[in-house]
Amino acid sequence: MDIKEAIKFILSIENLRSKEDLNIWLGDMGKKKLYLYVKRLAPEHWERIQTPQDSVRFYYQQMLTGYKIYNGI
């Protein structure tokens, strides 16, 4: 599994559709909660790239309404 697939899986399982849904789900842990989840699901890809957190942000912003780069992937 790569980072993009991990994010799609998480958004589906947790029923996250928007920026607001994500922020509520993240709660007090903030984005660290999502980063740890993705790292667990895609450890090889996570370790292989230089800035995995940037990749995580890029992909979820494409997939969730409420972000400028949303494109409905």
Protein backbone atom coordinates (compact mmCIF):
# COMPACT_ATOMS: atom_id res chain seq x y z
CA MET A 1 0.00 0.00 0.00
CA ASP A 2 1.28 3.48 -0.79
CA ILE A 3 0.46 6.76 0.93
CA LYS A 4 -2.32 7.70 -1.49
CA GLU A 5 -4.02 4.31 -1.06
CA ALA A 6 -3.65 4.56 2.72
CA ILE A 7 -5.35 7.95 2.76
CA LYS A 8 -8.20 6.74 0.55
CA PHE A 9 -8.66 3.79 2.92
CA ILE A 10 -8.66 5.99 6.04
CA LEU A 11 -11.08 8.53 4.56
CA SER A 12 -13.42 5.72 3.54
CA ILE A 13 -13.27 3.77 6.83
CA GLU A 14 -13.67 6.90 8.95
CA ASN A 15 -16.31 8.39 6.59
CA LEU A 16 -14.41 11.64 6.13
CA ARG A 17 -15.71 13.75 3.26
CA SER A 18 -14.63 17.31 4.07
CA LYS A 19 -12.02 19.45 5.75
CA GLU A 20 -14.44 19.91 8.65
CA ASP A 21 -14.94 16.12 9.03
CA LEU A 22 -11.17 15.67 9.13
CA ASN A 23 -10.66 18.37 11.76
CA ILE A 24 -13.33 16.84 14.00
CA TRP A 25 -11.82 13.36 13.60
CA LEU A 26 -8.28 14.62 14.30
CA GLY A 27 -9.37 16.20 17.59
CA ASP A 28 -6.67 17.10 20.11
CA MET A 29 -3.98 14.97 18.41
CA GLY A 30 -4.11 17.08 15.28
CA LYS A 31 -2.49 15.87 12.09
CA LYS A 32 -0.16 13.63 14.07
CA LYS A 33 -3.09 11.18 14.35
CA LEU A 34 -3.37 10.95 10.57
CA TYR A 35 0.40 10.75 10.02
CA LEU A 36 0.75 7.85 12.47
CA TYR A 37 -2.18 6.01 10.85
CA VAL A 38 -0.72 6.44 7.35
CA LYS A 39 2.75 5.42 8.53
CA ARG A 40 1.29 2.19 9.95
CA LEU A 41 -0.55 1.37 6.72
CA ALA A 42 2.23 2.33 4.28
CA PRO A 43 5.53 1.98 6.16
CA GLU A 44 7.72 1.20 3.12
CA HIS A 45 6.47 4.18 1.12
CA TRP A 46 6.64 6.41 4.21
CA GLU A 47 10.33 5.59 4.77
CA ARG A 48 11.24 5.82 1.09
CA ILE A 49 10.27 9.46 0.57
CA GLN A 50 11.93 12.52 2.04
CA THR A 51 8.84 14.43 3.25
CA PRO A 52 5.98 11.96 3.82
CA GLN A 53 3.90 14.48 5.80
CA ASP A 54 3.85 16.78 2.76
CA SER A 55 2.59 13.90 0.60
CA VAL A 56 -0.12 13.08 3.13
CA ARG A 57 -1.31 16.72 3.15
CA PHE A 58 -1.24 16.92 -0.65
CA TYR A 59 -3.37 13.80 -1.10
CA TYR A 60 -6.00 14.48 1.56
CA GLN A 61 -6.39 18.06 0.33
CA GLN A 62 -7.15 16.68 -3.15
CA MET A 63 -9.70 14.24 -1.74
CA LEU A 64 -11.64 16.39 0.74
CA THR A 65 -14.02 19.25 -0.01
CA GLY A 66 -13.09 22.54 1.61
CA TYR A 67 -9.53 22.65 0.28
CA LYS A 68 -8.42 24.81 -2.67
CA ILE A 69 -6.83 21.86 -4.49
CA TYR A 70 -9.85 19.56 -4.06
CA ASN A 71 -10.53 17.67 -7.27
CA GLY A 72 -12.66 14.77 -6.13
CA ILE A 73 -10.09 11.97 -6.50
